[in-house]
Amino acid sequence: SIVDHAPALRTGMLCPAPQARVVAFLPIASAATIPPVGQ
């Protein structure tokens, strides 16, 4: 499901949601949570 919906998921995770406040806690030592440069 991630592969098939990649365009939305990879640009939308750090976007506001329609009805809820969204905040994110990113650990330093984690490649999985490093946003791309410039985003």
PDB file of all heavy atoms in Angstrom:
ATOM      1  N   SER A   1       0.809  -1.218   0.000  1.00  0.00           N
ATOM      2  CA  SER A   1       0.000   0.000   0.000  1.00  0.00           C
ATOM      3  C   SER A   1       0.834   1.254   0.000  1.00  0.00           C
ATOM      4  O   SER A   1       0.444   2.255  -0.587  1.00  0.00           O
ATOM      5  CB  SER A   1      -0.929   0.108   1.197  1.00  0.00           C
ATOM      6  OG  SER A   1      -0.831  -0.808   2.095  1.00  0.00           O
ATOM      7  N   ILE A   2       2.016   1.205   0.634  1.00  0.00           N
ATOM      8  CA  ILE A   2       2.899   2.364   0.601  1.00  0.00           C
ATOM      9  C   ILE A   2       3.447   2.575  -0.811  1.00  0.00           C
ATOM     10  O   ILE A   2       3.469   3.699  -1.328  1.00  0.00           O
ATOM     11  CB  ILE A   2       4.038   2.203   1.614  1.00  0.00           C
ATOM     12  CG1 ILE A   2       3.502   2.419   3.026  1.00  0.00           C
ATOM     13  CG2 ILE A   2       5.184   3.174   1.321  1.00  0.00           C
ATOM     14  CD1 ILE A   2       4.546   2.387   4.104  1.00  0.00           C
ATOM     15  N   VAL A   3       3.883   1.501  -1.442  1.00  0.00           N
ATOM     16  CA  VAL A   3       4.423   1.597  -2.801  1.00  0.00           C
ATOM     17  C   VAL A   3       3.358   2.133  -3.764  1.00  0.00           C
ATOM     18  O   VAL A   3       3.645   2.979  -4.611  1.00  0.00           O
ATOM     19  CB  VAL A   3       4.938   0.223  -3.264  1.00  0.00           C
ATOM     20  CG1 VAL A   3       5.245   0.231  -4.756  1.00  0.00           C
ATOM     21  CG2 VAL A   3       6.195  -0.162  -2.483  1.00  0.00           C
ATOM     22  N   ASP A   4       2.139   1.644  -3.643  1.00  0.00           N
ATOM     23  CA  ASP A   4       1.086   2.031  -4.576  1.00  0.00           C
ATOM     24  C   ASP A   4       0.582   3.461  -4.362  1.00  0.00           C
ATOM     25  O   ASP A   4      -0.012   4.051  -5.274  1.00  0.00           O
ATOM     26  CB  ASP A   4      -0.094   1.054  -4.465  1.00  0.00           C
ATOM     27  CG  ASP A   4       0.236  -0.321  -5.036  1.00  0.00           C
ATOM     28  OD1 ASP A   4       1.220  -0.422  -5.792  1.00  0.00           O
ATOM     29  OD2 ASP A   4      -0.473  -1.289  -4.704  1.00  0.00           O
ATOM     30  N   HIS A   5       0.779   4.021  -3.159  1.00  0.00           N
ATOM     31  CA  HIS A   5       0.270   5.358  -2.856  1.00  0.00           C
ATOM     32  C   HIS A   5       1.400   6.305  -2.468  1.00  0.00           C
ATOM     33  O   HIS A   5       1.189   7.287  -1.742  1.00  0.00           O
ATOM     34  CB  HIS A   5      -0.768   5.291  -1.729  1.00  0.00           C
ATOM     35  CG  HIS A   5      -1.951   4.447  -2.060  1.00  0.00           C
ATOM     36  ND1 HIS A   5      -1.987   3.083  -1.803  1.00  0.00           N
ATOM     37  CD2 HIS A   5      -3.135   4.741  -2.656  1.00  0.00           C
ATOM     38  CE1 HIS A   5      -3.143   2.595  -2.219  1.00  0.00           C
ATOM     39  NE2 HIS A   5      -3.851   3.569  -2.738  1.00  0.00           N
ATOM     40  N   ALA A   6       2.577   6.031  -2.985  1.00  0.00           N
ATOM     41  CA  ALA A   6       3.770   6.792  -2.600  1.00  0.00           C
ATOM     42  C   ALA A   6       3.656   8.295  -2.842  1.00  0.00           C
ATOM     43  O   ALA A   6       4.068   9.083  -1.987  1.00  0.00           O
ATOM     44  CB  ALA A   6       4.995   6.221  -3.310  1.00  0.00           C
ATOM     45  N   PRO A   7       3.137   8.763  -3.990  1.00  0.00           N
ATOM     46  CA  PRO A   7       3.125  10.210  -4.219  1.00  0.00           C
ATOM     47  C   PRO A   7       2.406  10.998  -3.126  1.00  0.00           C
ATOM     48  O   PRO A   7       2.870  12.071  -2.736  1.00  0.00           O
ATOM     49  CB  PRO A   7       2.400  10.342  -5.566  1.00  0.00           C
ATOM     50  CG  PRO A   7       2.706   9.064  -6.270  1.00  0.00           C
ATOM     51  CD  PRO A   7       2.671   8.017  -5.182  1.00  0.00           C
ATOM     52  N   ALA A   8       1.290  10.473  -2.614  1.00  0.00           N
ATOM     53  CA  ALA A   8       0.565  11.176  -1.552  1.00  0.00           C
ATOM     54  C   ALA A   8       1.262  11.016  -0.207  1.00  0.00           C
ATOM     55  O   ALA A   8       1.423  11.984   0.541  1.00  0.00           O
ATOM     56  CB  ALA A   8      -0.871  10.674  -1.470  1.00  0.00           C
ATOM     57  N   LEU A   9       1.699   9.799   0.098  1.00  0.00           N
ATOM     58  CA  LEU A   9       2.275   9.545   1.416  1.00  0.00           C
ATOM     59  C   LEU A   9       3.596  10.274   1.618  1.00  0.00           C
ATOM     60  O   LEU A   9       3.859  10.809   2.695  1.00  0.00           O
ATOM     61  CB  LEU A   9       2.471   8.037   1.613  1.00  0.00           C
ATOM     62  CG  LEU A   9       1.192   7.208   1.732  1.00  0.00           C
ATOM     63  CD1 LEU A   9       1.513   5.721   1.730  1.00  0.00           C
ATOM     64  CD2 LEU A   9       0.419   7.579   2.997  1.00  0.00           C
ATOM     65  N   ARG A  10       4.431  10.290   0.606  1.00  0.00           N
ATOM     66  CA  ARG A  10       5.755  10.868   0.833  1.00  0.00           C
ATOM     67  C   ARG A  10       5.740  12.391   0.839  1.00  0.00           C
ATOM     68  O   ARG A  10       6.713  13.014   1.248  1.00  0.00           O
ATOM     69  CB  ARG A  10       6.745  10.345  -0.203  1.00  0.00           C
ATOM     70  CG  ARG A  10       6.580  10.838  -1.614  1.00  0.00           C
ATOM     71  CD  ARG A  10       7.526  10.069  -2.528  1.00  0.00           C
ATOM     72  NE  ARG A  10       7.524  10.585  -3.886  1.00  0.00           N
ATOM     73  CZ  ARG A  10       8.068   9.963  -4.918  1.00  0.00           C
ATOM     74  NH1 ARG A  10       8.664   8.784  -4.726  1.00  0.00           N
ATOM     75  NH2 ARG A  10       8.039  10.486  -6.117  1.00  0.00           N
ATOM     76  N   THR A  11       4.664  13.007   0.407  1.00  0.00           N
ATOM     77  CA  THR A  11       4.563  14.467   0.485  1.00  0.00           C
ATOM     78  C   THR A  11       3.583  14.923   1.555  1.00  0.00           C
ATOM     79  O   THR A  11       3.564  16.111   1.911  1.00  0.00           O
ATOM     80  CB  THR A  11       4.125  15.075  -0.858  1.00  0.00           C
ATOM     81  OG1 THR A  11       2.865  14.504  -1.249  1.00  0.00           O
ATOM     82  CG2 THR A  11       5.156  14.801  -1.941  1.00  0.00           C
ATOM     83  N   GLY A  12       2.761  14.016   2.081  1.00  0.00           N
ATOM     84  CA  GLY A  12       1.679  14.436   2.965  1.00  0.00           C
ATOM     85  C   GLY A  12       1.852  14.161   4.436  1.00  0.00           C
ATOM     86  O   GLY A  12       1.055  14.641   5.247  1.00  0.00           O
ATOM     87  N   MET A  13       2.893  13.422   4.839  1.00  0.00           N
ATOM     88  CA  MET A  13       3.013  13.048   6.244  1.00  0.00           C
ATOM     89  C   MET A  13       3.183  14.255   7.162  1.00  0.00           C
ATOM     90  O   MET A  13       2.704  14.251   8.293  1.00  0.00           O
ATOM     91  CB  MET A  13       4.178  12.073   6.428  1.00  0.00           C
ATOM     92  CG  MET A  13       3.924  10.680   5.872  1.00  0.00           C
ATOM     93  SD  MET A  13       2.546   9.848   6.706  1.00  0.00           S
ATOM     94  CE  MET A  13       3.200   9.681   8.364  1.00  0.00           C
ATOM     95  N   LEU A  14       3.874  15.285   6.700  1.00  0.00           N
ATOM     96  CA  LEU A  14       4.090  16.472   7.531  1.00  0.00           C
ATOM     97  C   LEU A  14       3.213  17.626   7.083  1.00  0.00           C
ATOM     98  O   LEU A  14       3.568  18.801   7.225  1.00  0.00           O
ATOM     99  CB  LEU A  14       5.567  16.868   7.515  1.00  0.00           C
ATOM    100  CG  LEU A  14       6.521  15.844   8.128  1.00  0.00           C
ATOM    101  CD1 LEU A  14       7.952  16.354   8.095  1.00  0.00           C
ATOM    102  CD2 LEU A  14       6.121  15.477   9.554  1.00  0.00           C
ATOM    103  N   CYS A  15       2.028  17.288   6.545  1.00  0.00           N
ATOM    104  CA  CYS A  15       1.026  18.278   6.174  1.00  0.00           C
ATOM    105  C   CYS A  15      -0.106  18.300   7.209  1.00  0.00           C
ATOM    106  O   CYS A  15      -0.367  17.281   7.862  1.00  0.00           O
ATOM    107  CB  CYS A  15       0.435  17.946   4.800  1.00  0.00           C
ATOM    108  SG  CYS A  15       1.485  18.399   3.402  1.00  0.00           S
ATOM    109  N   PRO A  16      -0.788  19.418   7.359  1.00  0.00           N
ATOM    110  CA  PRO A  16      -1.920  19.471   8.290  1.00  0.00           C
ATOM    111  C   PRO A  16      -3.021  18.494   7.892  1.00  0.00           C
ATOM    112  O   PRO A  16      -3.221  18.212   6.709  1.00  0.00           O
ATOM    113  CB  PRO A  16      -2.402  20.923   8.178  1.00  0.00           C
ATOM    114  CG  PRO A  16      -1.238  21.676   7.613  1.00  0.00           C
ATOM    115  CD  PRO A  16      -0.511  20.713   6.721  1.00  0.00           C
ATOM    116  N   ALA A  17      -3.735  17.977   8.877  1.00  0.00           N
ATOM    117  CA  ALA A  17      -4.879  17.097   8.644  1.00  0.00           C
ATOM    118  C   ALA A  17      -6.152  17.932   8.584  1.00  0.00           C
ATOM    119  O   ALA A  17      -6.193  19.062   9.085  1.00  0.00           O
ATOM    120  CB  ALA A  17      -4.979  16.055   9.749  1.00  0.00           C
ATOM    121  N   PRO A  18      -7.219  17.396   7.966  1.00  0.00           N
ATOM    122  CA  PRO A  18      -8.448  18.184   7.812  1.00  0.00           C
ATOM    123  C   PRO A  18      -9.089  18.595   9.130  1.00  0.00           C
ATOM    124  O   PRO A  18      -9.709  19.655   9.207  1.00  0.00           O
ATOM    125  CB  PRO A  18      -9.367  17.234   7.027  1.00  0.00           C
ATOM    126  CG  PRO A  18      -8.450  16.280   6.339  1.00  0.00           C
ATOM    127  CD  PRO A  18      -7.289  16.100   7.262  1.00  0.00           C
ATOM    128  N   GLN A  19      -8.981  17.762  10.169  1.00  0.00           N
ATOM    129  CA  GLN A  19      -9.774  18.001  11.373  1.00  0.00           C
ATOM    130  C   GLN A  19      -8.990  17.990  12.672  1.00  0.00           C
ATOM    131  O   GLN A  19      -9.563  18.221  13.736  1.00  0.00           O
ATOM    132  CB  GLN A  19     -10.866  16.916  11.469  1.00  0.00           C
ATOM    133  CG  GLN A  19     -10.383  15.521  11.897  1.00  0.00           C
ATOM    134  CD  GLN A  19      -9.636  14.763  10.818  1.00  0.00           C
ATOM    135  OE1 GLN A  19      -8.668  15.283  10.283  1.00  0.00           O
ATOM    136  NE2 GLN A  19     -10.062  13.551  10.520  1.00  0.00           N
ATOM    137  N   ALA A  20      -7.705  17.736  12.659  1.00  0.00           N
ATOM    138  CA  ALA A  20      -6.951  17.563  13.904  1.00  0.00           C
ATOM    139  C   ALA A  20      -5.632  18.319  13.850  1.00  0.00           C
ATOM    140  O   ALA A  20      -5.056  18.508  12.779  1.00  0.00           O
ATOM    141  CB  ALA A  20      -6.675  16.065  14.150  1.00  0.00           C
ATOM    142  N   ARG A  21      -5.170  18.736  15.030  1.00  0.00           N
ATOM    143  CA  ARG A  21      -3.826  19.299  15.128  1.00  0.00           C
ATOM    144  C   ARG A  21      -2.809  18.166  14.981  1.00  0.00           C
ATOM    145  O   ARG A  21      -2.960  17.112  15.595  1.00  0.00           O
ATOM    146  CB  ARG A  21      -3.628  19.988  16.476  1.00  0.00           C
ATOM    147  CG  ARG A  21      -4.442  21.258  16.670  1.00  0.00           C
ATOM    148  CD  ARG A  21      -4.165  21.882  18.025  1.00  0.00           C
ATOM    149  NE  ARG A  21      -4.635  21.022  19.103  1.00  0.00           N
ATOM    150  CZ  ARG A  21      -5.848  21.106  19.646  1.00  0.00           C
ATOM    151  NH1 ARG A  21      -6.709  22.003  19.193  1.00  0.00           N
ATOM    152  NH2 ARG A  21      -6.201  20.296  20.632  1.00  0.00           N
ATOM    153  N   VAL A  22      -1.775  18.393  14.198  1.00  0.00           N
ATOM    154  CA  VAL A  22      -0.744  17.395  13.963  1.00  0.00           C
ATOM    155  C   VAL A  22       0.602  17.969  14.388  1.00  0.00           C
ATOM    156  O   VAL A  22       0.957  19.091  13.994  1.00  0.00           O
ATOM    157  CB  VAL A  22      -0.679  16.972  12.481  1.00  0.00           C
ATOM    158  CG1 VAL A  22       0.433  15.945  12.261  1.00  0.00           C
ATOM    159  CG2 VAL A  22      -2.021  16.399  12.029  1.00  0.00           C
ATOM    160  N   VAL A  23       1.333  17.230  15.210  1.00  0.00           N
ATOM    161  CA  VAL A  23       2.704  17.586  15.555  1.00  0.00           C
ATOM    162  C   VAL A  23       3.552  16.327  15.390  1.00  0.00           C
ATOM    163  O   VAL A  23       3.032  15.204  15.411  1.00  0.00           O
ATOM    164  CB  VAL A  23       2.834  18.137  16.988  1.00  0.00           C
ATOM    165  CG1 VAL A  23       1.982  19.386  17.165  1.00  0.00           C
ATOM    166  CG2 VAL A  23       2.458  17.085  18.013  1.00  0.00           C
ATOM    167  N   ALA A  24       4.852  16.525  15.226  1.00  0.00           N
ATOM    168  CA  ALA A  24       5.754  15.392  15.008  1.00  0.00           C
ATOM    169  C   ALA A  24       6.992  15.535  15.877  1.00  0.00           C
ATOM    170  O   ALA A  24       7.529  16.641  16.028  1.00  0.00           O
ATOM    171  CB  ALA A  24       6.150  15.294  13.539  1.00  0.00           C
ATOM    172  N   PHE A  25       7.426  14.404  16.446  1.00  0.00           N
ATOM    173  CA  PHE A  25       8.672  14.327  17.194  1.00  0.00           C
ATOM    174  C   PHE A  25       9.638  13.450  16.411  1.00  0.00           C
ATOM    175  O   PHE A  25       9.388  12.249  16.227  1.00  0.00           O
ATOM    176  CB  PHE A  25       8.421  13.753  18.590  1.00  0.00           C
ATOM    177  CG  PHE A  25       7.688  14.692  19.501  1.00  0.00           C
ATOM    178  CD1 PHE A  25       6.302  14.753  19.494  1.00  0.00           C
ATOM    179  CD2 PHE A  25       8.378  15.531  20.355  1.00  0.00           C
ATOM    180  CE1 PHE A  25       5.610  15.623  20.325  1.00  0.00           C
ATOM    181  CE2 PHE A  25       7.703  16.415  21.196  1.00  0.00           C
ATOM    182  CZ  PHE A  25       6.318  16.461  21.185  1.00  0.00           C
ATOM    183  N   LEU A  26      10.708  14.059  15.927  1.00  0.00           N
ATOM    184  CA  LEU A  26      11.670  13.348  15.091  1.00  0.00           C
ATOM    185  C   LEU A  26      12.948  13.082  15.875  1.00  0.00           C
ATOM    186  O   LEU A  26      13.600  14.022  16.328  1.00  0.00           O
ATOM    187  CB  LEU A  26      12.008  14.167  13.841  1.00  0.00           C
ATOM    188  CG  LEU A  26      10.858  14.652  12.962  1.00  0.00           C
ATOM    189  CD1 LEU A  26      11.410  15.395  11.754  1.00  0.00           C
ATOM    190  CD2 LEU A  26       9.989  13.500  12.526  1.00  0.00           C
ATOM    191  N   PRO A  27      13.334  11.815  16.048  1.00  0.00           N
ATOM    192  CA  PRO A  27      14.605  11.524  16.713  1.00  0.00           C
ATOM    193  C   PRO A  27      15.777  11.836  15.797  1.00  0.00           C
ATOM    194  O   PRO A  27      15.669  11.733  14.572  1.00  0.00           O
ATOM    195  CB  PRO A  27      14.515  10.029  17.004  1.00  0.00           C
ATOM    196  CG  PRO A  27      13.617   9.495  15.945  1.00  0.00           C
ATOM    197  CD  PRO A  27      12.618  10.594  15.664  1.00  0.00           C
ATOM    198  N   ILE A  28      16.891  12.217  16.393  1.00  0.00           N
ATOM    199  CA  ILE A  28      18.062  12.563  15.602  1.00  0.00           C
ATOM    200  C   ILE A  28      18.601  11.345  14.871  1.00  0.00           C
ATOM    201  O   ILE A  28      18.879  11.391  13.673  1.00  0.00           O
ATOM    202  CB  ILE A  28      19.157  13.160  16.509  1.00  0.00           C
ATOM    203  CG1 ILE A  28      18.707  14.517  17.054  1.00  0.00           C
ATOM    204  CG2 ILE A  28      20.468  13.319  15.743  1.00  0.00           C
ATOM    205  CD1 ILE A  28      19.666  15.118  18.040  1.00  0.00           C
ATOM    206  N   ALA A  29      18.781  10.243  15.594  1.00  0.00           N
ATOM    207  CA  ALA A  29      19.483   9.075  15.041  1.00  0.00           C
ATOM    208  C   ALA A  29      18.519   8.122  14.362  1.00  0.00           C
ATOM    209  O   ALA A  29      18.329   6.992  14.777  1.00  0.00           O
ATOM    210  CB  ALA A  29      20.260   8.361  16.148  1.00  0.00           C
ATOM    211  N   SER A  30      17.857   8.582  13.320  1.00  0.00           N
ATOM    212  CA  SER A  30      16.912   7.739  12.597  1.00  0.00           C
ATOM    213  C   SER A  30      16.808   8.202  11.165  1.00  0.00           C
ATOM    214  O   SER A  30      16.257   9.260  10.881  1.00  0.00           O
ATOM    215  CB  SER A  30      15.529   7.778  13.257  1.00  0.00           C
ATOM    216  OG  SER A  30      14.595   7.057  12.472  1.00  0.00           O
ATOM    217  N   ALA A  31      17.329   7.395  10.240  1.00  0.00           N
ATOM    218  CA  ALA A  31      17.251   7.742   8.823  1.00  0.00           C
ATOM    219  C   ALA A  31      15.817   7.734   8.329  1.00  0.00           C
ATOM    220  O   ALA A  31      15.476   8.420   7.372  1.00  0.00           O
ATOM    221  CB  ALA A  31      18.091   6.764   8.000  1.00  0.00           C
ATOM    222  N   ALA A  32      14.953   6.936   8.971  1.00  0.00           N
ATOM    223  CA  ALA A  32      13.568   6.823   8.518  1.00  0.00           C
ATOM    224  C   ALA A  32      12.803   8.119   8.695  1.00  0.00           C
ATOM    225  O   ALA A  32      11.788   8.342   8.048  1.00  0.00           O
ATOM    226  CB  ALA A  32      12.864   5.697   9.273  1.00  0.00           C
ATOM    227  N   THR A  33      13.272   8.993   9.601  1.00  0.00           N
ATOM    228  CA  THR A  33      12.509  10.192   9.915  1.00  0.00           C
ATOM    229  C   THR A  33      13.203  11.463   9.461  1.00  0.00           C
ATOM    230  O   THR A  33      12.821  12.556   9.858  1.00  0.00           O
ATOM    231  CB  THR A  33      12.266  10.278  11.437  1.00  0.00           C
ATOM    232  OG1 THR A  33      13.541  10.376  12.100  1.00  0.00           O
ATOM    233  CG2 THR A  33      11.531   9.059  11.934  1.00  0.00           C
ATOM    234  N   ILE A  34      14.241  11.358   8.630  1.00  0.00           N
ATOM    235  CA  ILE A  34      14.939  12.548   8.156  1.00  0.00           C
ATOM    236  C   ILE A  34      14.214  13.095   6.926  1.00  0.00           C
ATOM    237  O   ILE A  34      14.167  12.443   5.886  1.00  0.00           O
ATOM    238  CB  ILE A  34      16.395  12.235   7.799  1.00  0.00           C
ATOM    239  CG1 ILE A  34      17.152  11.764   9.048  1.00  0.00           C
ATOM    240  CG2 ILE A  34      17.080  13.451   7.202  1.00  0.00           C
ATOM    241  CD1 ILE A  34      18.572  11.342   8.773  1.00  0.00           C
ATOM    242  N   PRO A  35      13.628  14.284   7.038  1.00  0.00           N
ATOM    243  CA  PRO A  35      12.950  14.841   5.868  1.00  0.00           C
ATOM    244  C   PRO A  35      13.950  15.166   4.772  1.00  0.00           C
ATOM    245  O   PRO A  35      15.120  15.424   5.054  1.00  0.00           O
ATOM    246  CB  PRO A  35      12.309  16.123   6.423  1.00  0.00           C
ATOM    247  CG  PRO A  35      12.353  15.999   7.909  1.00  0.00           C
ATOM    248  CD  PRO A  35      13.538  15.146   8.206  1.00  0.00           C
ATOM    249  N   PRO A  36      13.528  15.149   3.531  1.00  0.00           N
ATOM    250  CA  PRO A  36      14.442  15.499   2.447  1.00  0.00           C
ATOM    251  C   PRO A  36      14.885  16.948   2.552  1.00  0.00           C
ATOM    252  O   PRO A  36      14.155  17.803   3.040  1.00  0.00           O
ATOM    253  CB  PRO A  36      13.599  15.271   1.189  1.00  0.00           C
ATOM    254  CG  PRO A  36      12.190  15.389   1.653  1.00  0.00           C
ATOM    255  CD  PRO A  36      12.182  14.859   3.056  1.00  0.00           C
ATOM    256  N   VAL A  37      16.094  17.204   2.112  1.00  0.00           N
ATOM    257  CA  VAL A  37      16.624  18.559   2.158  1.00  0.00           C
ATOM    258  C   VAL A  37      15.746  19.477   1.311  1.00  0.00           C
ATOM    259  O   VAL A  37      15.380  19.145   0.188  1.00  0.00           O
ATOM    260  CB  VAL A  37      18.081  18.586   1.652  1.00  0.00           C
ATOM    261  CG1 VAL A  37      18.599  20.019   1.578  1.00  0.00           C
ATOM    262  CG2 VAL A  37      18.966  17.745   2.559  1.00  0.00           C
ATOM    263  N   GLY A  38      15.421  20.618   1.860  1.00  0.00           N
ATOM    264  CA  GLY A  38      14.628  21.588   1.111  1.00  0.00           C
ATOM    265  C   GLY A  38      13.137  21.492   1.368  1.00  0.00           C
ATOM    266  O   GLY A  38      12.400  22.388   0.994  1.00  0.00           O
ATOM    267  N   GLN A  39      12.671  20.407   2.007  1.00  0.00           N
ATOM    268  CA  GLN A  39      11.242  20.270   2.293  1.00  0.00           C
ATOM    269  C   GLN A  39      10.944  20.837   3.669  1.00  0.00           C
ATOM    270  O   GLN A  39      11.508  20.390   4.669  1.00  0.00           O
ATOM    271  CB  GLN A  39      10.815  18.800   2.243  1.00  0.00           C
ATOM    272  CG  GLN A  39       9.339  18.593   2.590  1.00  0.00           C
ATOM    273  CD  GLN A  39       8.920  17.143   2.420  1.00  0.00           C
ATOM    274  OE1 GLN A  39       9.260  16.506   1.439  1.00  0.00           O
ATOM    275  NE2 GLN A  39       8.199  16.609   3.396  1.00  0.00           N
TER     276      GLN A  39
END
